[in-house]
PDB file of N, CA and C in Angstrom:
ATOM      1  N   MET A   1      33.746  15.134  46.753  1.00  0.00           N
ATOM      2  CA  MET A   1      33.539  15.226  48.169  1.00  0.00           C
ATOM      3  C   MET A   1      32.091  15.601  48.463  1.00  0.00           C
ATOM      4  N   ARG A   2      31.569  16.562  47.701  1.00  0.00           N
ATOM      5  CA  ARG A   2      30.193  16.994  47.896  1.00  0.00           C
ATOM      6  C   ARG A   2      29.240  15.834  47.609  1.00  0.00           C
ATOM      7  N   LYS A   3      29.574  15.042  46.585  1.00  0.00           N
ATOM      8  CA  LYS A   3      28.746  13.885  46.238  1.00  0.00           C
ATOM      9  C   LYS A   3      28.746  12.878  47.380  1.00  0.00           C
ATOM     10  N   LEU A   4      29.891  12.689  48.015  1.00  0.00           N
ATOM     11  CA  LEU A   4      29.995  11.768  49.144  1.00  0.00           C
ATOM     12  C   LEU A   4      29.115  12.228  50.297  1.00  0.00           C
ATOM     13  N   ILE A   5      29.133  13.508  50.575  1.00  0.00           N
ATOM     14  CA  ILE A   5      28.325  14.044  51.667  1.00  0.00           C
ATOM     15  C   ILE A   5      26.841  13.869  51.365  1.00  0.00           C
ATOM     16  N   MET A   6      26.451  14.177  50.134  1.00  0.00           N
ATOM     17  CA  MET A   6      25.043  14.034  49.757  1.00  0.00           C
ATOM     18  C   MET A   6      24.616  12.566  49.812  1.00  0.00           C
ATOM     19  N   THR A   7      25.486  11.677  49.355  1.00  0.00           N
ATOM     20  CA  THR A   7      25.189  10.247  49.398  1.00  0.00           C
ATOM     21  C   THR A   7      25.032   9.784  50.839  1.00  0.00           C
ATOM     22  N   SER A   8      25.915  10.248  51.709  1.00  0.00           N
ATOM     23  CA  SER A   8      25.840   9.873  53.121  1.00  0.00           C
ATOM     24  C   SER A   8      24.558  10.382  53.760  1.00  0.00           C
ATOM     25  N   MET A   9      24.176  11.619  53.417  1.00  0.00           N
ATOM     26  CA  MET A   9      22.946  12.178  53.971  1.00  0.00           C
ATOM     27  C   MET A   9      21.723  11.410  53.476  1.00  0.00           C
ATOM     28  N   ALA A  10      21.719  11.062  52.194  1.00  0.00           N
ATOM     29  CA  ALA A  10      20.597  10.301  51.646  1.00  0.00           C
ATOM     30  C   ALA A  10      20.517   8.923  52.286  1.00  0.00           C
ATOM     31  N   ALA A  11      21.672   8.311  52.465  1.00  0.00           N
ATOM     32  CA  ALA A  11      21.697   6.990  53.092  1.00  0.00           C
ATOM     33  C   ALA A  11      21.213   7.066  54.537  1.00  0.00           C
ATOM     34  N   ALA A  12      21.619   8.107  55.240  1.00  0.00           N
ATOM     35  CA  ALA A  12      21.174   8.281  56.624  1.00  0.00           C
ATOM     36  C   ALA A  12      19.664   8.481  56.683  1.00  0.00           C
ATOM     37  N   ALA A  13      19.118   9.241  55.745  1.00  0.00           N
ATOM     38  CA  ALA A  13      17.669   9.455  55.710  1.00  0.00           C
ATOM     39  C   ALA A  13      16.936   8.155  55.413  1.00  0.00           C
ATOM     40  N   ALA A  14      17.447   7.404  54.447  1.00  0.00           N
ATOM     41  CA  ALA A  14      16.834   6.115  54.110  1.00  0.00           C
ATOM     42  C   ALA A  14      16.936   5.159  55.291  1.00  0.00           C
ATOM     43  N   LEU A  15      18.051   5.192  55.963  1.00  0.00           N
ATOM     44  CA  LEU A  15      18.248   4.342  57.127  1.00  0.00           C
ATOM     45  C   LEU A  15      17.261   4.707  58.224  1.00  0.00           C
ATOM     46  N   SER A  16      17.018   5.991  58.409  1.00  0.00           N
ATOM     47  CA  SER A  16      16.073   6.433  59.427  1.00  0.00           C
ATOM     48  C   SER A  16      14.668   5.920  59.128  1.00  0.00           C
ATOM     49  N   LEU A  17      14.273   5.993  57.869  1.00  0.00           N
ATOM     50  CA  LEU A  17      12.955   5.488  57.496  1.00  0.00           C
ATOM     51  C   LEU A  17      12.867   3.983  57.657  1.00  0.00           C
ATOM     52  N   ALA A  18      13.905   3.292  57.269  1.00  0.00           N
ATOM     53  CA  ALA A  18      13.919   1.833  57.383  1.00  0.00           C
ATOM     54  C   ALA A  18      13.910   1.403  58.847  1.00  0.00           C
ATOM     55  N   ALA A  19      14.491   2.212  59.701  1.00  0.00           N
ATOM     56  CA  ALA A  19      14.574   1.869  61.118  1.00  0.00           C
ATOM     57  C   ALA A  19      13.203   1.777  61.769  1.00  0.00           C
ATOM     58  N   CYS A  20      12.228   2.462  61.221  1.00  0.00           N
ATOM     59  CA  CYS A  20      10.882   2.412  61.779  1.00  0.00           C
ATOM     60  C   CYS A  20      10.322   0.996  61.761  1.00  0.00           C
ATOM     61  N   ALA A  21      10.686   0.227  60.749  1.00  0.00           N
ATOM     62  CA  ALA A  21      10.168  -1.126  60.604  1.00  0.00           C
ATOM     63  C   ALA A  21      11.071  -2.165  61.255  1.00  0.00           C
ATOM     64  N   GLU A  22      12.214  -1.770  61.763  1.00  0.00           N
ATOM     65  CA  GLU A  22      13.159  -2.708  62.346  1.00  0.00           C
ATOM     66  C   GLU A  22      13.210  -2.526  63.856  1.00  0.00           C
ATOM     67  N   SER A  23      13.828  -3.481  64.497  1.00  0.00           N
ATOM     68  CA  SER A  23      14.027  -3.332  65.928  1.00  0.00           C
ATOM     69  C   SER A  23      15.068  -2.254  66.192  1.00  0.00           C
ATOM     70  N   GLU A  24      15.083  -1.753  67.377  1.00  0.00           N
ATOM     71  CA  GLU A  24      16.051  -0.715  67.738  1.00  0.00           C
ATOM     72  C   GLU A  24      17.475  -1.230  67.586  1.00  0.00           C
ATOM     73  N   GLN A  25      17.720  -2.469  67.972  1.00  0.00           N
ATOM     74  CA  GLN A  25      19.058  -3.054  67.861  1.00  0.00           C
ATOM     75  C   GLN A  25      19.509  -3.113  66.409  1.00  0.00           C
ATOM     76  N   GLU A  26      18.635  -3.566  65.525  1.00  0.00           N
ATOM     77  CA  GLU A  26      18.979  -3.634  64.104  1.00  0.00           C
ATOM     78  C   GLU A  26      19.259  -2.250  63.537  1.00  0.00           C
ATOM     79  N   ALA A  27      18.474  -1.280  63.960  1.00  0.00           N
ATOM     80  CA  ALA A  27      18.669   0.085  63.485  1.00  0.00           C
ATOM     81  C   ALA A  27      20.017   0.633  63.949  1.00  0.00           C
ATOM     82  N   GLN A  28      20.382   0.350  65.190  1.00  0.00           N
ATOM     83  CA  GLN A  28      21.673   0.805  65.697  1.00  0.00           C
ATOM     84  C   GLN A  28      22.821   0.145  64.932  1.00  0.00           C
ATOM     85  N   GLU A  29      22.692  -1.147  64.670  1.00  0.00           N
ATOM     86  CA  GLU A  29      23.727  -1.852  63.910  1.00  0.00           C
ATOM     87  C   GLU A  29      23.855  -1.282  62.504  1.00  0.00           C
ATOM     88  N   ASP A  30      22.726  -1.000  61.883  1.00  0.00           N
ATOM     89  CA  ASP A  30      22.747  -0.426  60.540  1.00  0.00           C
ATOM     90  C   ASP A  30      23.403   0.951  60.538  1.00  0.00           C
ATOM     91  N   LEU A  31      23.123   1.743  61.557  1.00  0.00           N
ATOM     92  CA  LEU A  31      23.699   3.083  61.649  1.00  0.00           C
ATOM     93  C   LEU A  31      25.219   3.013  61.798  1.00  0.00           C
ATOM     94  N   VAL A  32      25.694   2.134  62.658  1.00  0.00           N
ATOM     95  CA  VAL A  32      27.136   1.965  62.853  1.00  0.00           C
ATOM     96  C   VAL A  32      27.786   1.517  61.548  1.00  0.00           C
ATOM     97  N   GLU A  33      27.147   0.583  60.859  1.00  0.00           N
ATOM     98  CA  GLU A  33      27.682   0.097  59.585  1.00  0.00           C
ATOM     99  C   GLU A  33      27.736   1.219  58.545  1.00  0.00           C
ATOM    100  N   GLN A  34      26.689   2.013  58.476  1.00  0.00           N
ATOM    101  CA  GLN A  34      26.641   3.116  57.506  1.00  0.00           C
ATOM    102  C   GLN A  34      27.701   4.168  57.812  1.00  0.00           C
ATOM    103  N   GLU A  35      27.897   4.466  59.085  1.00  0.00           N
ATOM    104  CA  GLU A  35      28.917   5.441  59.463  1.00  0.00           C
ATOM    105  C   GLU A  35      30.309   4.939  59.084  1.00  0.00           C
ATOM    106  N   ALA A  36      30.562   3.649  59.291  1.00  0.00           N
ATOM    107  CA  ALA A  36      31.860   3.076  58.939  1.00  0.00           C
ATOM    108  C   ALA A  36      32.073   3.115  57.426  1.00  0.00           C
ATOM    109  N   GLU A  37      31.021   2.794  56.680  1.00  0.00           N
ATOM    110  CA  GLU A  37      31.122   2.839  55.220  1.00  0.00           C
ATOM    111  C   GLU A  37      31.368   4.270  54.732  1.00  0.00           C
ATOM    112  N   SER A  38      30.727   5.236  55.365  1.00  0.00           N
ATOM    113  CA  SER A  38      30.940   6.632  54.991  1.00  0.00           C
ATOM    114  C   SER A  38      32.380   7.052  55.272  1.00  0.00           C
ATOM    115  N   GLN A  39      32.916   6.611  56.410  1.00  0.00           N
ATOM    116  CA  GLN A  39      34.300   6.932  56.747  1.00  0.00           C
ATOM    117  C   GLN A  39      35.253   6.274  55.745  1.00  0.00           C
ATOM    118  N   GLU A  40      34.950   5.053  55.361  1.00  0.00           N
ATOM    119  CA  GLU A  40      35.765   4.356  54.358  1.00  0.00           C
ATOM    120  C   GLU A  40      35.722   5.109  53.022  1.00  0.00           C
ATOM    121  N   ASP A  41      34.543   5.549  52.619  1.00  0.00           N
ATOM    122  CA  ASP A  41      34.403   6.320  51.380  1.00  0.00           C
ATOM    123  C   ASP A  41      35.194   7.624  51.449  1.00  0.00           C
ATOM    124  N   LEU A  42      35.150   8.268  52.598  1.00  0.00           N
ATOM    125  CA  LEU A  42      35.890   9.518  52.774  1.00  0.00           C
ATOM    126  C   LEU A  42      37.394   9.281  52.626  1.00  0.00           C
ATOM    127  N   LEU A  43      37.892   8.214  53.215  1.00  0.00           N
ATOM    128  CA  LEU A  43      39.312   7.887  53.081  1.00  0.00           C
ATOM    129  C   LEU A  43      39.688   7.628  51.624  1.00  0.00           C
ATOM    130  N   GLU A  44      38.800   6.944  50.907  1.00  0.00           N
ATOM    131  CA  GLU A  44      39.059   6.671  49.495  1.00  0.00           C
ATOM    132  C   GLU A  44      39.101   7.965  48.686  1.00  0.00           C
ATOM    133  N   GLU A  45      38.221   8.898  49.014  1.00  0.00           N
ATOM    134  CA  GLU A  45      38.220  10.192  48.317  1.00  0.00           C
ATOM    135  C   GLU A  45      39.491  10.977  48.638  1.00  0.00           C
ATOM    136  N   GLN A  46      39.922  10.918  49.889  1.00  0.00           N
ATOM    137  CA  GLN A  46      41.163  11.589  50.269  1.00  0.00           C
ATOM    138  C   GLN A  46      42.360  10.960  49.543  1.00  0.00           C
ATOM    139  N   ALA A  47      42.319   9.644  49.380  1.00  0.00           N
ATOM    140  CA  ALA A  47      43.384   8.954  48.649  1.00  0.00           C
ATOM    141  C   ALA A  47      43.397   9.398  47.191  1.00  0.00           C
ATOM    142  N   ASP A  48      42.222   9.535  46.603  1.00  0.00           N
ATOM    143  CA  ASP A  48      42.136  10.006  45.217  1.00  0.00           C
ATOM    144  C   ASP A  48      42.709  11.416  45.087  1.00  0.00           C
ATOM    145  N   LEU A  49      42.411  12.256  46.053  1.00  0.00           N
ATOM    146  CA  LEU A  49      42.940  13.616  46.041  1.00  0.00           C
ATOM    147  C   LEU A  49      44.467  13.603  46.165  1.00  0.00           C
ATOM    148  N   ALA A  50      44.981  12.794  47.077  1.00  0.00           N
ATOM    149  CA  ALA A  50      46.432  12.697  47.251  1.00  0.00           C
ATOM    150  C   ALA A  50      47.093  12.209  45.965  1.00  0.00           C
ATOM    151  N   GLU A  51      46.458  11.262  45.301  1.00  0.00           N
ATOM    152  CA  GLU A  51      46.990  10.756  44.039  1.00  0.00           C
ATOM    153  C   GLU A  51      47.004  11.862  42.984  1.00  0.00           C
ATOM    154  N   ALA A  52      45.927  12.625  42.924  1.00  0.00           N
ATOM    155  CA  ALA A  52      45.839  13.716  41.950  1.00  0.00           C
ATOM    156  C   ALA A  52      46.887  14.788  42.222  1.00  0.00           C
ATOM    157  N   GLN A  53      47.252  14.931  43.487  1.00  0.00           N
ATOM    158  CA  GLN A  53      48.256  15.920  43.862  1.00  0.00           C
ATOM    159  C   GLN A  53      49.674  15.362  43.756  1.00  0.00           C
ATOM    160  N   GLY A  54      49.770  14.098  43.363  1.00  0.00           N
ATOM    161  CA  GLY A  54      51.082  13.485  43.181  1.00  0.00           C
ATOM    162  C   GLY A  54      51.718  12.964  44.457  1.00  0.00           C
ATOM    163  N   ASP A  55      50.949  12.852  45.518  1.00  0.00           N
ATOM    164  CA  ASP A  55      51.474  12.364  46.798  1.00  0.00           C
ATOM    165  C   ASP A  55      51.191  10.870  46.909  1.00  0.00           C
ATOM    166  N   GLU A  56      52.070  10.080  46.301  1.00  0.00           N
ATOM    167  CA  GLU A  56      51.860   8.637  46.224  1.00  0.00           C
ATOM    168  C   GLU A  56      51.888   7.974  47.598  1.00  0.00           C
ATOM    169  N   ALA A  57      52.751   8.428  48.482  1.00  0.00           N
ATOM    170  CA  ALA A  57      52.850   7.829  49.816  1.00  0.00           C
ATOM    171  C   ALA A  57      51.549   8.019  50.596  1.00  0.00           C
ATOM    172  N   ALA A  58      51.007   9.229  50.566  1.00  0.00           N
ATOM    173  CA  ALA A  58      49.746   9.492  51.261  1.00  0.00           C
ATOM    174  C   ALA A  58      48.611   8.703  50.629  1.00  0.00           C
ATOM    175  N   GLU A  59      48.611   8.627  49.314  1.00  0.00           N
ATOM    176  CA  GLU A  59      47.561   7.879  48.603  1.00  0.00           C
ATOM    177  C   GLU A  59      47.579   6.414  49.018  1.00  0.00           C
ATOM    178  N   GLU A  60      48.763   5.825  49.062  1.00  0.00           N
ATOM    179  CA  GLU A  60      48.875   4.412  49.437  1.00  0.00           C
ATOM    180  C   GLU A  60      48.460   4.192  50.891  1.00  0.00           C
ATOM    181  N   ALA A  61      48.851   5.097  51.772  1.00  0.00           N
ATOM    182  CA  ALA A  61      48.497   4.963  53.183  1.00  0.00           C
ATOM    183  C   ALA A  61      46.988   5.086  53.391  1.00  0.00           C
ATOM    184  N   LEU A  62      46.382   6.057  52.718  1.00  0.00           N
ATOM    185  CA  LEU A  62      44.931   6.237  52.837  1.00  0.00           C
ATOM    186  C   LEU A  62      44.171   5.066  52.243  1.00  0.00           C
ATOM    187  N   ASP A  63      44.634   4.564  51.109  1.00  0.00           N
ATOM    188  CA  ASP A  63      44.006   3.388  50.498  1.00  0.00           C
ATOM    189  C   ASP A  63      44.104   2.176  51.421  1.00  0.00           C
ATOM    190  N   ALA A  64      45.271   1.993  52.032  1.00  0.00           N
ATOM    191  CA  ALA A  64      45.459   0.866  52.939  1.00  0.00           C
ATOM    192  C   ALA A  64      44.533   0.982  54.147  1.00  0.00           C
ATOM    193  N   GLU A  65      44.390   2.191  54.664  1.00  0.00           N
ATOM    194  CA  GLU A  65      43.500   2.409  55.809  1.00  0.00           C
ATOM    195  C   GLU A  65      42.045   2.139  55.422  1.00  0.00           C
ATOM    196  N   ALA A  66      41.650   2.607  54.239  1.00  0.00           N
ATOM    197  CA  ALA A  66      40.282   2.362  53.765  1.00  0.00           C
ATOM    198  C   ALA A  66      40.042   0.872  53.556  1.00  0.00           C
ATOM    199  N   ASP A  67      41.019   0.187  52.981  1.00  0.00           N
ATOM    200  CA  ASP A  67      40.886  -1.261  52.769  1.00  0.00           C
ATOM    201  C   ASP A  67      40.753  -2.001  54.097  1.00  0.00           C
ATOM    202  N   ALA A  68      41.561  -1.603  55.077  1.00  0.00           N
ATOM    203  CA  ALA A  68      41.504  -2.241  56.396  1.00  0.00           C
ATOM    204  C   ALA A  68      40.139  -2.020  57.046  1.00  0.00           C
ATOM    205  N   MET A  69      39.611  -0.805  56.908  1.00  0.00           N
ATOM    206  CA  MET A  69      38.279  -0.527  57.458  1.00  0.00           C
ATOM    207  C   MET A  69      37.223  -1.396  56.790  1.00  0.00           C
ATOM    208  N   GLY A  70      37.330  -1.532  55.470  1.00  0.00           N
ATOM    209  CA  GLY A  70      36.374  -2.348  54.732  1.00  0.00           C
ATOM    210  C   GLY A  70      36.438  -3.804  55.134  1.00  0.00           C
ATOM    211  N   GLU A  71      37.644  -4.322  55.287  1.00  0.00           N
ATOM    212  CA  GLU A  71      37.805  -5.717  55.690  1.00  0.00           C
ATOM    213  C   GLU A  71      37.294  -5.948  57.106  1.00  0.00           C
ATOM    214  N   ALA A  72      37.579  -5.020  58.010  1.00  0.00           N
ATOM    215  CA  ALA A  72      37.091  -5.142  59.383  1.00  0.00           C
ATOM    216  C   ALA A  72      35.565  -5.106  59.412  1.00  0.00           C
ATOM    217  N   GLY A  73      34.996  -4.227  58.617  1.00  0.00           N
ATOM    218  CA  GLY A  73      33.537  -4.152  58.543  1.00  0.00           C
ATOM    219  C   GLY A  73      32.930  -5.428  57.994  1.00  0.00           C
ATOM    220  N   ASP A  74      33.566  -6.000  56.984  1.00  0.00           N
ATOM    221  CA  ASP A  74      33.076  -7.260  56.418  1.00  0.00           C
ATOM    222  C   ASP A  74      33.146  -8.383  57.448  1.00  0.00           C
ATOM    223  N   MET A  75      34.238  -8.432  58.202  1.00  0.00           N
ATOM    224  CA  MET A  75      34.375  -9.478  59.230  1.00  0.00           C
ATOM    225  C   MET A  75      33.334  -9.297  60.324  1.00  0.00           C
ATOM    226  N   ASN A  76      33.093  -8.045  60.732  1.00  0.00           N
ATOM    227  CA  ASN A  76      32.076  -7.787  61.756  1.00  0.00           C
ATOM    228  C   ASN A  76      30.693  -8.170  61.262  1.00  0.00           C
ATOM    229  N   GLU A  77      30.415  -7.841  60.014  1.00  0.00           N
ATOM    230  CA  GLU A  77      29.114  -8.177  59.436  1.00  0.00           C
ATOM    231  C   GLU A  77      28.938  -9.687  59.352  1.00  0.00           C
ATOM    232  N   ASP A  78      29.989 -10.393  58.950  1.00  0.00           N
ATOM    233  CA  ASP A  78      29.938 -11.855  58.889  1.00  0.00           C
ATOM    234  C   ASP A  78      29.685 -12.451  60.278  1.00  0.00           C
ATOM    235  N   ALA A  79      30.353 -11.888  61.296  1.00  0.00           N
ATOM    236  CA  ALA A  79      30.174 -12.380  62.661  1.00  0.00           C
ATOM    237  C   ALA A  79      28.735 -12.154  63.140  1.00  0.00           C
ATOM    238  N   VAL A  80      28.168 -11.006  62.806  1.00  0.00           N
ATOM    239  CA  VAL A  80      26.784 -10.723  63.195  1.00  0.00           C
ATOM    240  C   VAL A  80      25.843 -11.673  62.472  1.00  0.00           C
ATOM    241  N   ASP A  81      26.093 -11.878  61.173  1.00  0.00           N
ATOM    242  CA  ASP A  81      25.241 -12.789  60.409  1.00  0.00           C
ATOM    243  C   ASP A  81      25.299 -14.203  60.951  1.00  0.00           C
ATOM    244  N   GLU A  82      26.492 -14.654  61.333  1.00  0.00           N
ATOM    245  CA  GLU A  82      26.629 -16.008  61.899  1.00  0.00           C
ATOM    246  C   GLU A  82      25.949 -16.106  63.247  1.00  0.00           C
ATOM    247  N   GLY A  83      25.999 -15.044  64.024  1.00  0.00           N
ATOM    248  CA  GLY A  83      25.353 -15.040  65.335  1.00  0.00           C
ATOM    249  C   GLY A  83      23.846 -15.007  65.235  1.00  0.00           C
ATOM    250  N   ALA A  84      23.331 -14.498  64.132  1.00  0.00           N
ATOM    251  CA  ALA A  84      21.872 -14.395  63.943  1.00  0.00           C
ATOM    252  C   ALA A  84      21.261 -15.714  63.517  1.00  0.00           C
ATOM    253  N   MET A  85      22.076 -16.623  63.068  1.00  0.00           N
ATOM    254  CA  MET A  85      21.547 -17.905  62.555  1.00  0.00           C
ATOM    255  C   MET A  85      21.262 -18.875  63.667  1.00  0.00           C
TER     256      MET A  85
END
């Protein structure tokens, strides 16, 4: 969990620096994407914890939620990429 938080903070810092060279719109899109990815990672970590605690139902539900978030993010990213062309 601590590693996830540190990774998220590092990514946010890198994103902030990268935003200087990008348009405001691109920076906002990147921030939203990073926040969604962080939330997905958090759900995956919670699923791992539930699995370690022997709570298979919670693990499966959290994994399914994380997978759904990832798929939705991929579809949104694809839509943005298609719109940019």
